[in-house]
Amino acid sequence: MYERNESLAEALRILRICEKRGSGIDRALENIERRQIDAPEFIVKTRSTTVELRKGRFEDMGMKERVNAAYLHCCLQAAKGTFLTNSSLRERFGLSKAKTAVTSQVIAAAVDAGLIFLDPATEGARRSARYLPFYHRD
């Protein structure tokens, strides 16, 4: 079992390098979205987690990266008490309204991957469709 060095953790908190509350990922994702760059990839290893950061914009991302960004956007929206929508995802990627179809493809791929699902309250309403992360399913 891995044990945390509490003295080191406390020193890092004092230096404002880490925190105890655990909102660091949310804040990092908000900054990434504000810059409209590629979402980080979280790689879980046996005893650790590695985070890969990239600088790419929407045009530089493959479908896998776009789906990952959509999923993390959905998680961040849920943490704020709101939902992923086509409009919010277009804004996250910095795309114009003319790119609605492209954003819909990303959302459909994220749904197909089982990462997000349609909010049942908006079932059948394409224009007002909103999505939640898979872990919000009943």
N, C-alpha and C. Protein backbone atom coordinates (compact mmCIF):
# COMPACT_ATOMS: atom_id res chain seq x y z
N MET A 1 0.84 -1.19 0.00
CA MET A 1 0.00 0.00 0.00
C MET A 1 0.88 1.25 0.00
N TYR A 2 0.47 2.23 -0.76
CA TYR A 2 1.20 3.48 -0.84
C TYR A 2 0.77 4.39 0.29
N GLU A 3 1.72 4.93 1.03
CA GLU A 3 1.40 5.86 2.11
C GLU A 3 1.89 7.25 1.74
N ARG A 4 1.09 8.22 2.02
CA ARG A 4 1.40 9.60 1.71
C ARG A 4 2.31 10.18 2.79
N ASN A 5 3.28 10.96 2.38
CA ASN A 5 4.17 11.65 3.31
C ASN A 5 3.44 12.93 3.73
N GLU A 6 2.79 12.88 4.87
CA GLU A 6 1.96 14.01 5.33
C GLU A 6 2.78 15.28 5.58
N SER A 7 4.03 15.13 6.05
CA SER A 7 4.87 16.32 6.28
C SER A 7 5.17 17.03 4.96
N LEU A 8 5.50 16.24 3.95
CA LEU A 8 5.77 16.82 2.63
C LEU A 8 4.49 17.43 2.05
N ALA A 9 3.37 16.73 2.19
CA ALA A 9 2.10 17.25 1.69
C ALA A 9 1.76 18.58 2.34
N GLU A 10 1.97 18.68 3.64
CA GLU A 10 1.68 19.94 4.36
C GLU A 10 2.60 21.05 3.87
N ALA A 11 3.87 20.75 3.67
CA ALA A 11 4.82 21.76 3.16
C ALA A 11 4.39 22.24 1.77
N LEU A 12 3.95 21.32 0.92
CA LEU A 12 3.49 21.70 -0.41
C LEU A 12 2.22 22.55 -0.35
N ARG A 13 1.35 22.27 0.61
CA ARG A 13 0.15 23.10 0.78
C ARG A 13 0.52 24.51 1.22
N ILE A 14 1.48 24.62 2.14
CA ILE A 14 1.94 25.94 2.61
C ILE A 14 2.52 26.73 1.45
N LEU A 15 3.24 26.06 0.56
CA LEU A 15 3.84 26.72 -0.61
C LEU A 15 2.83 26.93 -1.74
N ARG A 16 1.60 26.51 -1.51
CA ARG A 16 0.51 26.62 -2.49
C ARG A 16 0.79 25.85 -3.78
N ILE A 17 1.49 24.73 -3.64
CA ILE A 17 1.74 23.86 -4.78
C ILE A 17 0.64 22.81 -4.88
N CYS A 18 0.10 22.39 -3.76
CA CYS A 18 -1.02 21.47 -3.75
C CYS A 18 -2.01 21.91 -2.68
N GLU A 19 -3.14 21.28 -2.64
CA GLU A 19 -4.17 21.66 -1.68
C GLU A 19 -4.81 20.43 -1.08
N LYS A 20 -5.57 20.64 -0.06
CA LYS A 20 -6.21 19.53 0.63
C LYS A 20 -7.62 19.26 0.11
N ARG A 21 -8.29 20.29 -0.39
CA ARG A 21 -9.69 20.18 -0.80
C ARG A 21 -9.93 19.30 -2.00
N GLY A 22 -8.98 19.21 -2.90
CA GLY A 22 -9.15 18.36 -4.06
C GLY A 22 -9.85 19.03 -5.23
N SER A 23 -9.86 20.35 -5.30
CA SER A 23 -10.51 21.03 -6.42
C SER A 23 -9.51 21.42 -7.50
N GLY A 24 -8.29 20.94 -7.39
CA GLY A 24 -7.24 21.31 -8.34
C GLY A 24 -7.55 20.90 -9.77
N ILE A 25 -8.09 19.70 -9.95
CA ILE A 25 -8.39 19.24 -11.31
C ILE A 25 -9.49 20.10 -11.92
N ASP A 26 -10.51 20.42 -11.14
CA ASP A 26 -11.59 21.28 -11.65
C ASP A 26 -11.03 22.63 -12.11
N ARG A 27 -10.17 23.22 -11.29
CA ARG A 27 -9.59 24.51 -11.66
C ARG A 27 -8.69 24.39 -12.89
N ALA A 28 -7.92 23.31 -12.97
CA ALA A 28 -7.06 23.10 -14.15
C ALA A 28 -7.92 22.95 -15.40
N LEU A 29 -9.00 22.18 -15.31
CA LEU A 29 -9.89 22.00 -16.48
C LEU A 29 -10.53 23.32 -16.88
N GLU A 30 -10.92 24.14 -15.91
CA GLU A 30 -11.50 25.45 -16.25
C GLU A 30 -10.51 26.29 -17.02
N ASN A 31 -9.24 26.29 -16.61
CA ASN A 31 -8.21 27.06 -17.31
C ASN A 31 -7.94 26.49 -18.70
N ILE A 32 -7.93 25.18 -18.82
CA ILE A 32 -7.74 24.54 -20.13
C ILE A 32 -8.89 24.92 -21.06
N GLU A 33 -10.11 24.86 -20.55
CA GLU A 33 -11.27 25.22 -21.38
C GLU A 33 -11.24 26.69 -21.75
N ARG A 34 -10.84 27.54 -20.85
CA ARG A 34 -10.77 28.97 -21.14
C ARG A 34 -9.80 29.23 -22.29
N ARG A 35 -8.72 28.45 -22.35
CA ARG A 35 -7.73 28.60 -23.42
C ARG A 35 -8.13 27.81 -24.68
N GLN A 36 -9.19 27.02 -24.57
CA GLN A 36 -9.74 26.23 -25.67
C GLN A 36 -8.69 25.30 -26.29
N ILE A 37 -7.91 24.65 -25.40
CA ILE A 37 -6.89 23.72 -25.86
C ILE A 37 -7.29 22.29 -25.52
N ASP A 38 -6.53 21.35 -26.03
CA ASP A 38 -6.78 19.92 -25.85
C ASP A 38 -6.85 19.57 -24.37
N ALA A 39 -7.78 18.71 -24.03
CA ALA A 39 -7.95 18.27 -22.64
C ALA A 39 -6.80 17.35 -22.23
N PRO A 40 -6.49 17.30 -20.95
CA PRO A 40 -5.44 16.38 -20.50
C PRO A 40 -5.91 14.94 -20.60
N GLU A 41 -4.95 14.04 -20.68
CA GLU A 41 -5.26 12.62 -20.67
C GLU A 41 -4.75 12.06 -19.35
N PHE A 42 -5.61 11.39 -18.60
CA PHE A 42 -5.25 10.79 -17.32
C PHE A 42 -4.92 9.33 -17.57
N ILE A 43 -3.69 8.94 -17.25
CA ILE A 43 -3.22 7.58 -17.48
C ILE A 43 -3.00 6.92 -16.12
N VAL A 44 -3.84 5.95 -15.80
CA VAL A 44 -3.76 5.26 -14.52
C VAL A 44 -2.77 4.12 -14.64
N LYS A 45 -1.77 4.16 -13.77
CA LYS A 45 -0.76 3.10 -13.74
C LYS A 45 -0.98 2.28 -12.47
N THR A 46 -0.13 1.33 -12.22
CA THR A 46 -0.30 0.44 -11.08
C THR A 46 -0.36 1.19 -9.76
N ARG A 47 0.58 2.09 -9.52
CA ARG A 47 0.63 2.79 -8.24
C ARG A 47 0.62 4.31 -8.39
N SER A 48 0.28 4.77 -9.56
CA SER A 48 0.29 6.22 -9.77
C SER A 48 -0.62 6.59 -10.94
N THR A 49 -0.81 7.87 -11.10
CA THR A 49 -1.56 8.40 -12.23
C THR A 49 -0.70 9.48 -12.88
N THR A 50 -0.60 9.42 -14.18
CA THR A 50 0.14 10.41 -14.94
C THR A 50 -0.85 11.24 -15.73
N VAL A 51 -0.58 12.53 -15.84
CA VAL A 51 -1.43 13.42 -16.61
C VAL A 51 -0.60 13.99 -17.75
N GLU A 52 -1.09 13.80 -18.98
CA GLU A 52 -0.42 14.36 -20.14
C GLU A 52 -1.17 15.61 -20.59
N LEU A 53 -0.44 16.70 -20.71
CA LEU A 53 -1.02 17.97 -21.17
C LEU A 53 -0.55 18.24 -22.59
N ARG A 54 -1.45 18.78 -23.40
CA ARG A 54 -1.12 19.13 -24.79
C ARG A 54 -1.58 20.55 -25.07
N LYS A 55 -1.05 21.13 -26.14
CA LYS A 55 -1.41 22.50 -26.49
C LYS A 55 -2.35 22.59 -27.69
N GLY A 56 -2.72 21.47 -28.29
CA GLY A 56 -3.48 21.49 -29.53
C GLY A 56 -4.85 22.12 -29.41
N ARG A 57 -5.28 22.72 -30.49
CA ARG A 57 -6.63 23.27 -30.62
C ARG A 57 -7.51 22.22 -31.28
N PHE A 58 -8.80 22.54 -31.46
CA PHE A 58 -9.77 21.60 -32.01
C PHE A 58 -9.28 20.97 -33.32
N GLU A 59 -8.76 21.78 -34.21
CA GLU A 59 -8.31 21.29 -35.52
C GLU A 59 -7.19 20.27 -35.40
N ASP A 60 -6.40 20.36 -34.32
CA ASP A 60 -5.25 19.47 -34.13
C ASP A 60 -5.63 18.15 -33.46
N MET A 61 -6.85 18.07 -32.93
CA MET A 61 -7.28 16.89 -32.18
C MET A 61 -7.87 15.83 -33.10
N GLY A 62 -7.60 14.58 -32.78
CA GLY A 62 -8.28 13.47 -33.42
C GLY A 62 -9.61 13.25 -32.70
N MET A 63 -10.41 12.32 -33.19
CA MET A 63 -11.72 12.07 -32.56
C MET A 63 -11.55 11.59 -31.12
N LYS A 64 -10.55 10.78 -30.84
CA LYS A 64 -10.32 10.30 -29.47
C LYS A 64 -10.09 11.48 -28.52
N GLU A 65 -9.26 12.42 -28.92
CA GLU A 65 -8.98 13.59 -28.08
C GLU A 65 -10.22 14.48 -27.93
N ARG A 66 -11.00 14.60 -29.00
CA ARG A 66 -12.23 15.40 -28.95
C ARG A 66 -13.25 14.77 -28.00
N VAL A 67 -13.38 13.45 -28.05
CA VAL A 67 -14.30 12.75 -27.16
C VAL A 67 -13.84 12.89 -25.71
N ASN A 68 -12.53 12.76 -25.48
CA ASN A 68 -11.99 12.94 -24.13
C ASN A 68 -12.29 14.35 -23.61
N ALA A 69 -12.10 15.35 -24.46
CA ALA A 69 -12.37 16.74 -24.08
C ALA A 69 -13.86 16.93 -23.78
N ALA A 70 -14.72 16.30 -24.59
CA ALA A 70 -16.17 16.41 -24.37
C ALA A 70 -16.55 15.77 -23.03
N TYR A 71 -15.99 14.60 -22.75
CA TYR A 71 -16.27 13.92 -21.48
C TYR A 71 -15.84 14.77 -20.28
N LEU A 72 -14.62 15.30 -20.34
CA LEU A 72 -14.14 16.12 -19.22
C LEU A 72 -14.95 17.41 -19.10
N HIS A 73 -15.38 17.97 -20.23
CA HIS A 73 -16.25 19.15 -20.20
C HIS A 73 -17.57 18.80 -19.51
N CYS A 74 -18.11 17.63 -19.84
CA CYS A 74 -19.36 17.17 -19.23
C CYS A 74 -19.19 17.00 -17.72
N CYS A 75 -18.05 16.43 -17.30
CA CYS A 75 -17.77 16.25 -15.86
C CYS A 75 -17.68 17.61 -15.16
N LEU A 76 -16.99 18.55 -15.79
CA LEU A 76 -16.85 19.88 -15.20
C LEU A 76 -18.20 20.58 -15.11
N GLN A 77 -19.01 20.46 -16.15
CA GLN A 77 -20.35 21.06 -16.12
C GLN A 77 -21.17 20.43 -14.99
N ALA A 78 -21.10 19.11 -14.83
CA ALA A 78 -21.85 18.44 -13.77
C ALA A 78 -21.38 18.91 -12.38
N ALA A 79 -20.08 19.12 -12.23
CA ALA A 79 -19.55 19.61 -10.96
C ALA A 79 -20.08 21.00 -10.64
N LYS A 80 -20.38 21.77 -11.69
CA LYS A 80 -20.94 23.12 -11.52
C LYS A 80 -22.46 23.10 -11.39
N GLY A 81 -23.06 21.90 -11.52
CA GLY A 81 -24.52 21.78 -11.41
C GLY A 81 -25.25 22.09 -12.69
N THR A 82 -24.56 21.96 -13.82
CA THR A 82 -25.19 22.22 -15.11
C THR A 82 -24.90 21.04 -16.05
N PHE A 83 -25.08 21.22 -17.34
CA PHE A 83 -25.01 20.12 -18.29
C PHE A 83 -24.13 20.45 -19.48
N LEU A 84 -23.65 19.42 -20.15
CA LEU A 84 -23.02 19.59 -21.46
C LEU A 84 -24.15 19.76 -22.46
N THR A 85 -24.03 20.76 -23.30
CA THR A 85 -24.96 20.96 -24.42
C THR A 85 -24.12 21.17 -25.68
N ASN A 86 -24.75 21.12 -26.82
CA ASN A 86 -24.03 21.38 -28.06
C ASN A 86 -23.41 22.78 -28.00
N SER A 87 -24.17 23.72 -27.49
CA SER A 87 -23.70 25.10 -27.38
C SER A 87 -22.51 25.22 -26.44
N SER A 88 -22.59 24.57 -25.27
CA SER A 88 -21.48 24.68 -24.31
C SER A 88 -20.22 24.02 -24.86
N LEU A 89 -20.38 22.92 -25.60
CA LEU A 89 -19.22 22.24 -26.16
C LEU A 89 -18.61 23.06 -27.31
N ARG A 90 -19.46 23.69 -28.12
CA ARG A 90 -18.93 24.58 -29.17
C ARG A 90 -18.12 25.70 -28.53
N GLU A 91 -18.64 26.27 -27.46
CA GLU A 91 -17.93 27.35 -26.77
C GLU A 91 -16.61 26.83 -26.20
N ARG A 92 -16.65 25.64 -25.61
CA ARG A 92 -15.44 25.05 -25.04
C ARG A 92 -14.35 24.89 -26.12
N PHE A 93 -14.76 24.47 -27.33
CA PHE A 93 -13.81 24.27 -28.42
C PHE A 93 -13.51 25.55 -29.20
N GLY A 94 -14.25 26.62 -28.94
CA GLY A 94 -14.05 27.87 -29.66
C GLY A 94 -14.58 27.82 -31.09
N LEU A 95 -15.68 27.09 -31.29
CA LEU A 95 -16.26 26.92 -32.62
C LEU A 95 -17.47 27.81 -32.81
N SER A 96 -17.72 28.18 -34.04
CA SER A 96 -18.88 29.01 -34.37
C SER A 96 -20.15 28.15 -34.41
N LYS A 97 -21.29 28.81 -34.47
CA LYS A 97 -22.57 28.12 -34.55
C LYS A 97 -22.67 27.28 -35.83
N ALA A 98 -21.94 27.67 -36.85
CA ALA A 98 -21.92 26.92 -38.11
C ALA A 98 -21.32 25.52 -37.94
N LYS A 99 -20.63 25.29 -36.84
CA LYS A 99 -19.98 23.99 -36.57
C LYS A 99 -20.83 23.10 -35.67
N THR A 100 -22.13 23.36 -35.59
CA THR A 100 -23.03 22.57 -34.74
C THR A 100 -22.98 21.09 -35.11
N ALA A 101 -22.96 20.77 -36.39
CA ALA A 101 -22.95 19.37 -36.83
C ALA A 101 -21.68 18.65 -36.38
N VAL A 102 -20.54 19.34 -36.45
CA VAL A 102 -19.27 18.74 -36.01
C VAL A 102 -19.33 18.44 -34.51
N THR A 103 -19.86 19.39 -33.76
CA THR A 103 -19.98 19.20 -32.31
C THR A 103 -20.94 18.05 -32.01
N SER A 104 -22.01 17.94 -32.77
CA SER A 104 -22.96 16.84 -32.59
C SER A 104 -22.29 15.49 -32.82
N GLN A 105 -21.38 15.42 -33.78
CA GLN A 105 -20.64 14.18 -34.04
C GLN A 105 -19.78 13.79 -32.84
N VAL A 106 -19.15 14.78 -32.23
CA VAL A 106 -18.31 14.51 -31.05
C VAL A 106 -19.19 14.02 -29.91
N ILE A 107 -20.33 14.67 -29.70
CA ILE A 107 -21.25 14.25 -28.64
C ILE A 107 -21.73 12.82 -28.89
N ALA A 108 -22.11 12.52 -30.14
CA ALA A 108 -22.58 11.17 -30.48
C ALA A 108 -21.49 10.13 -30.21
N ALA A 109 -20.26 10.45 -30.54
CA ALA A 109 -19.15 9.53 -30.30
C ALA A 109 -18.93 9.31 -28.80
N ALA A 110 -19.08 10.38 -27.99
CA ALA A 110 -18.94 10.25 -26.54
C ALA A 110 -20.07 9.41 -25.94
N VAL A 111 -21.28 9.56 -26.49
CA VAL A 111 -22.42 8.73 -26.06
C VAL A 111 -22.15 7.28 -26.44
N ASP A 112 -21.71 7.04 -27.68
CA ASP A 112 -21.42 5.68 -28.15
C ASP A 112 -20.32 5.02 -27.30
N ALA A 113 -19.38 5.82 -26.83
CA ALA A 113 -18.29 5.30 -25.99
C ALA A 113 -18.75 5.02 -24.56
N GLY A 114 -19.99 5.44 -24.23
CA GLY A 114 -20.51 5.22 -22.89
C GLY A 114 -20.00 6.21 -21.85
N LEU A 115 -19.39 7.30 -22.30
CA LEU A 115 -18.84 8.28 -21.37
C LEU A 115 -19.88 9.29 -20.89
N ILE A 116 -20.84 9.60 -21.74
CA ILE A 116 -21.91 10.54 -21.40
C ILE A 116 -23.24 9.94 -21.84
N PHE A 117 -24.32 10.48 -21.31
CA PHE A 117 -25.65 10.02 -21.74
C PHE A 117 -26.61 11.21 -21.76
N LEU A 118 -27.65 11.07 -22.56
CA LEU A 118 -28.67 12.10 -22.70
C LEU A 118 -29.47 12.22 -21.42
N ASP A 119 -29.62 13.43 -20.92
CA ASP A 119 -30.46 13.67 -19.74
C ASP A 119 -31.89 13.27 -20.10
N PRO A 120 -32.48 12.33 -19.35
CA PRO A 120 -33.84 11.87 -19.67
C PRO A 120 -34.87 13.00 -19.72
N ALA A 121 -34.64 14.08 -19.01
CA ALA A 121 -35.57 15.21 -19.01
C ALA A 121 -35.62 15.90 -20.38
N THR A 122 -34.61 15.69 -21.22
CA THR A 122 -34.59 16.33 -22.54
C THR A 122 -34.75 15.30 -23.66
N GLU A 123 -35.17 14.11 -23.33
CA GLU A 123 -35.38 13.05 -24.32
C GLU A 123 -36.30 13.53 -25.45
N GLY A 124 -35.86 13.36 -26.69
CA GLY A 124 -36.68 13.73 -27.84
C GLY A 124 -36.62 15.20 -28.22
N ALA A 125 -35.90 16.01 -27.49
CA ALA A 125 -35.80 17.45 -27.78
C ALA A 125 -34.37 17.75 -28.25
N ARG A 126 -34.13 17.60 -29.55
CA ARG A 126 -32.76 17.75 -30.07
C ARG A 126 -32.15 19.12 -29.77
N ARG A 127 -32.92 20.16 -29.92
CA ARG A 127 -32.37 21.51 -29.73
C ARG A 127 -31.99 21.80 -28.29
N SER A 128 -32.72 21.22 -27.35
CA SER A 128 -32.43 21.48 -25.94
C SER A 128 -31.79 20.27 -25.25
N ALA A 129 -31.23 19.36 -26.05
CA ALA A 129 -30.61 18.16 -25.48
C ALA A 129 -29.45 18.56 -24.58
N ARG A 130 -29.35 17.87 -23.46
CA ARG A 130 -28.24 18.10 -22.54
C ARG A 130 -27.78 16.74 -22.03
N TYR A 131 -26.53 16.70 -21.62
CA TYR A 131 -25.89 15.42 -21.33
C TYR A 131 -25.22 15.44 -19.97
N LEU A 132 -25.11 14.23 -19.39
CA LEU A 132 -24.49 14.03 -18.09
C LEU A 132 -23.39 12.98 -18.22
N PRO A 133 -22.40 13.01 -17.33
CA PRO A 133 -21.36 11.96 -17.36
C PRO A 133 -21.97 10.61 -16.96
N PHE A 134 -21.37 9.53 -17.41
CA PHE A 134 -21.91 8.18 -17.18
C PHE A 134 -22.17 7.90 -15.70
N TYR A 135 -21.38 8.47 -14.81
CA TYR A 135 -21.51 8.15 -13.38
C TYR A 135 -22.74 8.82 -12.73
N HIS A 136 -23.47 9.62 -13.47
CA HIS A 136 -24.72 10.21 -12.95
C HIS A 136 -25.94 9.36 -13.27
N ARG A 137 -25.74 8.27 -13.98
CA ARG A 137 -26.84 7.39 -14.36
C ARG A 137 -27.40 6.73 -13.11
N ASP A 138 -28.72 6.61 -13.05
CA ASP A 138 -29.36 5.99 -11.87
C ASP A 138 -28.98 4.55 -11.69
